[in-house]
Amino acid sequence: MKFVELEVVTRDKTGKSAARSWRRRGYIPGIVYGQDISPQPIGIPVKDFTRLAHHSSRAGVVVKLKLEGKELPALIKEVALDPVKDTYLHVDFQKIRLDEKVSTLVPIVIIGEEVSPGLKMGGVLQHGLDQIEIEALPKDLPEKFEIDISSFEIGDSCKVSDLTPPPGVTILEDPEEVILTILPPTIYKEAVEEVVGEEVAGEERPAGEAPSTEEQAD
């Protein structure tokens, strides 16, 4: 687990127009909530949060929010991005207690791809899960789960039950859930062609209108 500090300010006005104003001033609109506090709108300096996001995984990192002279230990629960500009729209923090277990998502990192016999023979790596839900005390939160596929042949796979969590960590996913598989090239090609065919067949069906970015942001 890592601790990082992030100085934030109280956000006195909320709503779409206020959120746009905060972004123009160099802040990301956000909120911090938890069992023992009322939801608190905050403004997060975009430069500081960008630096944090670039150097730390969201998992296994406890953020010490420094707000009006107080330190609030928290986890990053959700980050909303503008799909066009790829800029931050909103960040949700969950205040936690360091002596109570929390659940969070931990990313899966795959290593050994360059020497995997199955991939060298033309096999295709198919991902089932790219993150795992776990429960642990904040001090025990891992930043990632590494899966070494350097010995994987075509047809080999890895399930959740194959993972060995660190001490104090409980995996909450279905043990039979497949994380990854190395498929033969022909099976992968057939699967892609089937998906493409379904997309073409469905082009004439009307699609519902998705909510705007601003409606999702604040």
C-alpha atoms as a PDB file:
ATOM      1  CA  MET A   1       0.000   0.000   0.000  1.00  0.00           C
ATOM      2  CA  LYS A   2       1.100   3.532  -0.746  1.00  0.00           C
ATOM      3  CA  PHE A   3       0.106   6.796   0.899  1.00  0.00           C
ATOM      4  CA  VAL A   4       0.001   9.926  -1.236  1.00  0.00           C
ATOM      5  CA  GLU A   5      -1.058  13.420  -0.206  1.00  0.00           C
ATOM      6  CA  LEU A   6      -3.412  15.579  -2.230  1.00  0.00           C
ATOM      7  CA  GLU A   7      -4.419  19.076  -1.208  1.00  0.00           C
ATOM      8  CA  VAL A   8      -8.004  19.928  -2.171  1.00  0.00           C
ATOM      9  CA  VAL A   9     -10.409  22.797  -1.546  1.00  0.00           C
ATOM     10  CA  THR A  10     -14.068  23.020  -0.620  1.00  0.00           C
ATOM     11  CA  ARG A  11     -16.381  23.492  -3.576  1.00  0.00           C
ATOM     12  CA  ASP A  12     -19.167  25.857  -2.474  1.00  0.00           C
ATOM     13  CA  LYS A  13     -21.256  25.677  -5.661  1.00  0.00           C
ATOM     14  CA  THR A  14     -22.359  22.605  -7.598  1.00  0.00           C
ATOM     15  CA  GLY A  15     -24.168  21.945 -10.858  1.00  0.00           C
ATOM     16  CA  LYS A  16     -23.103  21.878 -14.503  1.00  0.00           C
ATOM     17  CA  SER A  17     -22.269  25.572 -14.910  1.00  0.00           C
ATOM     18  CA  ALA A  18     -20.336  25.662 -11.625  1.00  0.00           C
ATOM     19  CA  ALA A  19     -18.435  22.511 -12.637  1.00  0.00           C
ATOM     20  CA  ARG A  20     -17.399  24.109 -15.931  1.00  0.00           C
ATOM     21  CA  SER A  21     -16.239  27.193 -14.046  1.00  0.00           C
ATOM     22  CA  TRP A  22     -14.065  25.082 -11.715  1.00  0.00           C
ATOM     23  CA  ARG A  23     -12.493  23.296 -14.685  1.00  0.00           C
ATOM     24  CA  ARG A  24     -11.632  26.617 -16.323  1.00  0.00           C
ATOM     25  CA  ARG A  25      -9.859  27.597 -13.092  1.00  0.00           C
ATOM     26  CA  GLY A  26      -7.695  24.469 -13.212  1.00  0.00           C
ATOM     27  CA  TYR A  27      -9.663  22.272 -10.802  1.00  0.00           C
ATOM     28  CA  ILE A  28     -11.412  18.938 -11.257  1.00  0.00           C
ATOM     29  CA  PRO A  29     -14.850  18.868  -9.606  1.00  0.00           C
ATOM     30  CA  GLY A  30     -15.023  16.022  -7.138  1.00  0.00           C
ATOM     31  CA  ILE A  31     -16.724  14.678  -4.057  1.00  0.00           C
ATOM     32  CA  VAL A  32     -15.629  12.797  -0.951  1.00  0.00           C
ATOM     33  CA  TYR A  33     -18.120  10.636   0.927  1.00  0.00           C
ATOM     34  CA  GLY A  34     -18.077   7.986   3.624  1.00  0.00           C
ATOM     35  CA  GLN A  35     -19.977   6.419   6.488  1.00  0.00           C
ATOM     36  CA  ASP A  36     -19.056   9.066   9.048  1.00  0.00           C
ATOM     37  CA  ILE A  37     -19.157  12.247   6.922  1.00  0.00           C
ATOM     38  CA  SER A  38     -21.699  14.038   4.782  1.00  0.00           C
ATOM     39  CA  PRO A  39     -20.880  14.110   1.042  1.00  0.00           C
ATOM     40  CA  GLN A  40     -18.436  16.988   0.578  1.00  0.00           C
ATOM     41  CA  PRO A  41     -18.000  18.622  -2.854  1.00  0.00           C
ATOM     42  CA  ILE A  42     -14.336  19.412  -3.455  1.00  0.00           C
ATOM     43  CA  GLY A  43     -12.077  20.944  -6.071  1.00  0.00           C
ATOM     44  CA  ILE A  44      -8.914  19.030  -7.011  1.00  0.00           C
ATOM     45  CA  PRO A  45      -5.957  20.784  -8.706  1.00  0.00           C
ATOM     46  CA  VAL A  46      -5.776  19.143 -12.115  1.00  0.00           C
ATOM     47  CA  LYS A  47      -1.954  19.234 -12.217  1.00  0.00           C
ATOM     48  CA  ASP A  48      -1.617  17.483  -8.859  1.00  0.00           C
ATOM     49  CA  PHE A  49      -4.191  14.809  -9.697  1.00  0.00           C
ATOM     50  CA  THR A  50      -2.637  14.183 -13.121  1.00  0.00           C
ATOM     51  CA  ARG A  51       0.738  13.662 -11.454  1.00  0.00           C
ATOM     52  CA  LEU A  52      -0.819  11.243  -8.961  1.00  0.00           C
ATOM     53  CA  ALA A  53      -2.665   9.302 -11.670  1.00  0.00           C
ATOM     54  CA  HIS A  54       0.457   8.975 -13.837  1.00  0.00           C
ATOM     55  CA  HIS A  55       2.671   7.625 -11.065  1.00  0.00           C
ATOM     56  CA  SER A  56       0.271   5.487  -9.055  1.00  0.00           C
ATOM     57  CA  SER A  57      -2.275   2.784  -9.682  1.00  0.00           C
ATOM     58  CA  ARG A  58      -5.723   3.575  -8.304  1.00  0.00           C
ATOM     59  CA  ALA A  59      -5.562   0.302  -6.391  1.00  0.00           C
ATOM     60  CA  GLY A  60      -3.408  -0.090  -3.321  1.00  0.00           C
ATOM     61  CA  VAL A  61      -3.094   3.663  -2.905  1.00  0.00           C
ATOM     62  CA  VAL A  62      -4.594   5.537   0.013  1.00  0.00           C
ATOM     63  CA  VAL A  63      -4.938   9.242  -0.751  1.00  0.00           C
ATOM     64  CA  LYS A  64      -4.592  11.582   2.213  1.00  0.00           C
ATOM     65  CA  LEU A  65      -6.917  14.410   1.240  1.00  0.00           C
ATOM     66  CA  LYS A  66      -5.797  17.617   2.937  1.00  0.00           C
ATOM     67  CA  LEU A  67      -8.942  19.698   3.320  1.00  0.00           C
ATOM     68  CA  GLU A  68      -9.195  22.797   5.527  1.00  0.00           C
ATOM     69  CA  GLY A  69      -6.545  21.601   7.958  1.00  0.00           C
ATOM     70  CA  LYS A  70      -7.853  18.039   8.138  1.00  0.00           C
ATOM     71  CA  GLU A  71      -6.454  14.829   6.658  1.00  0.00           C
ATOM     72  CA  LEU A  72      -9.010  12.421   5.250  1.00  0.00           C
ATOM     73  CA  PRO A  73      -7.719   8.974   4.201  1.00  0.00           C
ATOM     74  CA  ALA A  74      -9.614   7.969   1.066  1.00  0.00           C
ATOM     75  CA  LEU A  75      -9.690   5.684  -1.959  1.00  0.00           C
ATOM     76  CA  ILE A  76     -10.325   6.835  -5.517  1.00  0.00           C
ATOM     77  CA  LYS A  77     -13.622   5.161  -6.413  1.00  0.00           C
ATOM     78  CA  GLU A  78     -14.463   6.644  -9.804  1.00  0.00           C
ATOM     79  CA  VAL A  79     -12.849   8.905 -12.385  1.00  0.00           C
ATOM     80  CA  ALA A  80     -14.955  10.374 -15.198  1.00  0.00           C
ATOM     81  CA  LEU A  81     -13.124  11.349 -18.385  1.00  0.00           C
ATOM     82  CA  ASP A  82     -14.241  13.404 -21.363  1.00  0.00           C
ATOM     83  CA  PRO A  83     -14.385  10.796 -24.165  1.00  0.00           C
ATOM     84  CA  VAL A  84     -13.296  13.336 -26.794  1.00  0.00           C
ATOM     85  CA  LYS A  85     -10.745  15.534 -25.002  1.00  0.00           C
ATOM     86  CA  ASP A  86      -9.551  12.799 -22.601  1.00  0.00           C
ATOM     87  CA  THR A  87      -9.584  15.327 -19.761  1.00  0.00           C
ATOM     88  CA  TYR A  88     -10.825  14.777 -16.209  1.00  0.00           C
ATOM     89  CA  LEU A  89     -14.474  15.630 -15.610  1.00  0.00           C
ATOM     90  CA  HIS A  90     -15.101  14.402 -12.074  1.00  0.00           C
ATOM     91  CA  VAL A  91     -13.452  12.319  -9.335  1.00  0.00           C
ATOM     92  CA  ASP A  92     -15.177  10.440  -6.505  1.00  0.00           C
ATOM     93  CA  PHE A  93     -13.300   9.652  -3.287  1.00  0.00           C
ATOM     94  CA  GLN A  94     -14.478   7.313  -0.533  1.00  0.00           C
ATOM     95  CA  LYS A  95     -13.260   8.216   2.946  1.00  0.00           C
ATOM     96  CA  ILE A  96     -12.073   5.127   4.800  1.00  0.00           C
ATOM     97  CA  ARG A  97     -10.901   4.007   8.216  1.00  0.00           C
ATOM     98  CA  LEU A  98      -7.422   2.536   8.340  1.00  0.00           C
ATOM     99  CA  ASP A  99      -8.581  -0.133  10.804  1.00  0.00           C
ATOM    100  CA  GLU A 100     -11.511  -1.380   8.694  1.00  0.00           C
ATOM    101  CA  LYS A 101     -11.470  -3.602   5.596  1.00  0.00           C
ATOM    102  CA  VAL A 102     -12.372  -2.042   2.260  1.00  0.00           C
ATOM    103  CA  SER A 103     -13.195  -3.497  -1.149  1.00  0.00           C
ATOM    104  CA  THR A 104     -11.565  -2.206  -4.309  1.00  0.00           C
ATOM    105  CA  LEU A 105     -10.539  -3.247  -7.816  1.00  0.00           C
ATOM    106  CA  VAL A 106      -6.939  -4.225  -8.491  1.00  0.00           C
ATOM    107  CA  PRO A 107      -5.530  -4.297 -12.043  1.00  0.00           C
ATOM    108  CA  ILE A 108      -4.116  -7.456 -13.614  1.00  0.00           C
ATOM    109  CA  VAL A 109      -0.676  -7.085 -15.188  1.00  0.00           C
ATOM    110  CA  ILE A 110       0.481  -9.755 -17.633  1.00  0.00           C
ATOM    111  CA  ILE A 111       4.190 -10.478 -17.992  1.00  0.00           C
ATOM    112  CA  GLY A 112       6.142 -12.927 -20.131  1.00  0.00           C
ATOM    113  CA  GLU A 113       4.248 -12.308 -23.368  1.00  0.00           C
ATOM    114  CA  GLU A 114       7.449 -11.941 -25.388  1.00  0.00           C
ATOM    115  CA  VAL A 115       8.597 -15.506 -24.547  1.00  0.00           C
ATOM    116  CA  SER A 116       5.264 -17.339 -24.341  1.00  0.00           C
ATOM    117  CA  PRO A 117       5.505 -20.450 -26.577  1.00  0.00           C
ATOM    118  CA  GLY A 118       1.813 -20.214 -27.419  1.00  0.00           C
ATOM    119  CA  LEU A 119       2.067 -16.629 -28.604  1.00  0.00           C
ATOM    120  CA  LYS A 120       5.259 -17.396 -30.542  1.00  0.00           C
ATOM    121  CA  MET A 121       3.347 -20.102 -32.427  1.00  0.00           C
ATOM    122  CA  GLY A 122       0.693 -17.598 -33.482  1.00  0.00           C
ATOM    123  CA  GLY A 123      -1.724 -17.997 -30.607  1.00  0.00           C
ATOM    124  CA  VAL A 124      -3.805 -15.011 -29.572  1.00  0.00           C
ATOM    125  CA  LEU A 125      -4.104 -13.768 -26.004  1.00  0.00           C
ATOM    126  CA  GLN A 126      -7.779 -13.333 -25.084  1.00  0.00           C
ATOM    127  CA  HIS A 127      -8.543 -11.301 -21.958  1.00  0.00           C
ATOM    128  CA  GLY A 128     -11.476 -12.217 -19.738  1.00  0.00           C
ATOM    129  CA  LEU A 129     -10.771  -9.925 -16.779  1.00  0.00           C
ATOM    130  CA  ASP A 130      -8.413  -6.974 -16.544  1.00  0.00           C
ATOM    131  CA  GLN A 131      -9.030  -6.263 -12.848  1.00  0.00           C
ATOM    132  CA  ILE A 132      -9.948  -8.210  -9.723  1.00  0.00           C
ATOM    133  CA  GLU A 133     -12.194  -7.162  -6.841  1.00  0.00           C
ATOM    134  CA  ILE A 134     -10.604  -7.734  -3.457  1.00  0.00           C
ATOM    135  CA  GLU A 135     -11.180  -6.978   0.221  1.00  0.00           C
ATOM    136  CA  ALA A 136      -8.471  -6.091   2.727  1.00  0.00           C
ATOM    137  CA  LEU A 137      -7.331  -3.620   5.324  1.00  0.00           C
ATOM    138  CA  PRO A 138      -5.891  -0.507   3.668  1.00  0.00           C
ATOM    139  CA  LYS A 139      -2.375  -1.463   4.816  1.00  0.00           C
ATOM    140  CA  ASP A 140      -2.628  -4.790   2.950  1.00  0.00           C
ATOM    141  CA  LEU A 141      -3.974  -3.525  -0.380  1.00  0.00           C
ATOM    142  CA  PRO A 142      -1.814  -4.677  -3.310  1.00  0.00           C
ATOM    143  CA  GLU A 143      -1.251  -2.377  -6.270  1.00  0.00           C
ATOM    144  CA  LYS A 144      -1.656  -5.158  -8.850  1.00  0.00           C
ATOM    145  CA  PHE A 145      -1.775  -8.878  -9.562  1.00  0.00           C
ATOM    146  CA  GLU A 146       0.923 -10.158 -11.919  1.00  0.00           C
ATOM    147  CA  ILE A 147       0.311 -13.182 -14.149  1.00  0.00           C
ATOM    148  CA  ASP A 148       3.375 -14.715 -15.780  1.00  0.00           C
ATOM    149  CA  ILE A 149       2.501 -16.414 -19.086  1.00  0.00           C
ATOM    150  CA  SER A 150       6.098 -17.076 -20.151  1.00  0.00           C
ATOM    151  CA  SER A 151       5.415 -20.838 -20.189  1.00  0.00           C
ATOM    152  CA  PHE A 152       1.863 -20.738 -21.587  1.00  0.00           C
ATOM    153  CA  GLU A 153       1.104 -22.868 -24.634  1.00  0.00           C
ATOM    154  CA  ILE A 154      -1.866 -22.562 -26.998  1.00  0.00           C
ATOM    155  CA  GLY A 155      -4.972 -23.606 -25.077  1.00  0.00           C
ATOM    156  CA  ASP A 156      -3.597 -22.665 -21.659  1.00  0.00           C
ATOM    157  CA  SER A 157      -5.693 -20.393 -19.480  1.00  0.00           C
ATOM    158  CA  CYS A 158      -5.682 -18.756 -16.062  1.00  0.00           C
ATOM    159  CA  LYS A 159      -8.686 -18.616 -13.726  1.00  0.00           C
ATOM    160  CA  VAL A 160      -9.294 -16.511 -10.633  1.00  0.00           C
ATOM    161  CA  SER A 161      -8.693 -19.647  -8.532  1.00  0.00           C
ATOM    162  CA  ASP A 162      -5.125 -19.781  -9.901  1.00  0.00           C
ATOM    163  CA  LEU A 163      -4.232 -16.493  -8.207  1.00  0.00           C
ATOM    164  CA  THR A 164      -2.491 -16.474  -4.835  1.00  0.00           C
ATOM    165  CA  PRO A 165      -3.502 -13.351  -2.892  1.00  0.00           C
ATOM    166  CA  PRO A 166      -1.070 -11.733  -0.450  1.00  0.00           C
ATOM    167  CA  PRO A 167      -1.638 -12.276   3.284  1.00  0.00           C
ATOM    168  CA  GLY A 168      -4.706 -10.462   4.556  1.00  0.00           C
ATOM    169  CA  VAL A 169      -6.290 -10.151   1.091  1.00  0.00           C
ATOM    170  CA  THR A 170      -9.546 -11.864   0.073  1.00  0.00           C
ATOM    171  CA  ILE A 171     -10.481 -12.178  -3.603  1.00  0.00           C
ATOM    172  CA  LEU A 172     -14.196 -11.528  -4.148  1.00  0.00           C
ATOM    173  CA  GLU A 173     -14.483 -12.735  -7.760  1.00  0.00           C
ATOM    174  CA  ASP A 174     -15.956 -16.078  -8.870  1.00  0.00           C
ATOM    175  CA  PRO A 175     -13.067 -18.598  -8.603  1.00  0.00           C
ATOM    176  CA  GLU A 176     -14.098 -20.158 -11.944  1.00  0.00           C
ATOM    177  CA  GLU A 177     -13.966 -16.849 -13.830  1.00  0.00           C
ATOM    178  CA  VAL A 178     -11.418 -17.045 -16.654  1.00  0.00           C
ATOM    179  CA  ILE A 179      -8.876 -14.222 -16.596  1.00  0.00           C
ATOM    180  CA  LEU A 180      -7.073 -15.047 -19.835  1.00  0.00           C
ATOM    181  CA  THR A 181      -6.715 -17.754 -22.471  1.00  0.00           C
ATOM    182  CA  ILE A 182      -4.311 -18.320 -25.356  1.00  0.00           C
ATOM    183  CA  LEU A 183      -6.486 -19.198 -28.337  1.00  0.00           C
ATOM    184  CA  PRO A 184      -5.418 -20.904 -31.552  1.00  0.00           C
ATOM    185  CA  PRO A 185      -5.238 -18.385 -34.439  1.00  0.00           C
ATOM    186  CA  THR A 186      -8.168 -19.972 -36.328  1.00  0.00           C
ATOM    187  CA  ILE A 187     -10.540 -19.818 -33.353  1.00  0.00           C
ATOM    188  CA  TYR A 188      -9.709 -16.169 -32.747  1.00  0.00           C
ATOM    189  CA  LYS A 189     -10.275 -15.312 -36.411  1.00  0.00           C
ATOM    190  CA  GLU A 190     -13.656 -17.054 -36.442  1.00  0.00           C
ATOM    191  CA  ALA A 191     -14.703 -15.235 -33.257  1.00  0.00           C
ATOM    192  CA  VAL A 192     -13.780 -11.838 -34.729  1.00  0.00           C
ATOM    193  CA  GLU A 193     -15.638 -12.580 -37.970  1.00  0.00           C
ATOM    194  CA  GLU A 194     -18.738 -13.586 -36.003  1.00  0.00           C
ATOM    195  CA  VAL A 195     -18.697 -10.364 -33.954  1.00  0.00           C
ATOM    196  CA  VAL A 196     -18.195  -8.225 -37.072  1.00  0.00           C
ATOM    197  CA  GLY A 197     -21.076 -10.010 -38.791  1.00  0.00           C
ATOM    198  CA  GLU A 198     -23.398  -9.346 -35.839  1.00  0.00           C
ATOM    199  CA  GLU A 199     -22.450  -5.647 -35.826  1.00  0.00           C
ATOM    200  CA  VAL A 200     -23.175  -5.305 -39.540  1.00  0.00           C
ATOM    201  CA  ALA A 201     -26.522  -7.068 -39.158  1.00  0.00           C
ATOM    202  CA  GLY A 202     -27.501  -4.738 -36.350  1.00  0.00           C
ATOM    203  CA  GLU A 203     -26.615  -1.468 -38.076  1.00  0.00           C
ATOM    204  CA  GLU A 204     -30.209  -0.844 -39.160  1.00  0.00           C
ATOM    205  CA  ARG A 205     -31.577  -1.105 -35.624  1.00  0.00           C
ATOM    206  CA  PRO A 206     -32.106   2.310 -33.980  1.00  0.00           C
ATOM    207  CA  ALA A 207     -29.816   3.025 -31.086  1.00  0.00           C
ATOM    208  CA  GLY A 208     -30.812   4.911 -27.940  1.00  0.00           C
ATOM    209  CA  GLU A 209     -29.214   8.288 -27.372  1.00  0.00           C
ATOM    210  CA  ALA A 210     -26.498   8.223 -24.723  1.00  0.00           C
ATOM    211  CA  PRO A 211     -26.451  10.916 -22.034  1.00  0.00           C
ATOM    212  CA  SER A 212     -24.217  13.911 -22.714  1.00  0.00           C
ATOM    213  CA  THR A 213     -20.809  14.213 -21.077  1.00  0.00           C
ATOM    214  CA  GLU A 214     -21.980  17.115 -18.910  1.00  0.00           C
ATOM    215  CA  GLU A 215     -25.003  15.121 -17.702  1.00  0.00           C
ATOM    216  CA  GLN A 216     -22.689  12.339 -16.556  1.00  0.00           C
ATOM    217  CA  ALA A 217     -20.075  14.637 -15.047  1.00  0.00           C
ATOM    218  CA  ASP A 218     -21.920  16.567 -12.387  1.00  0.00           C
END
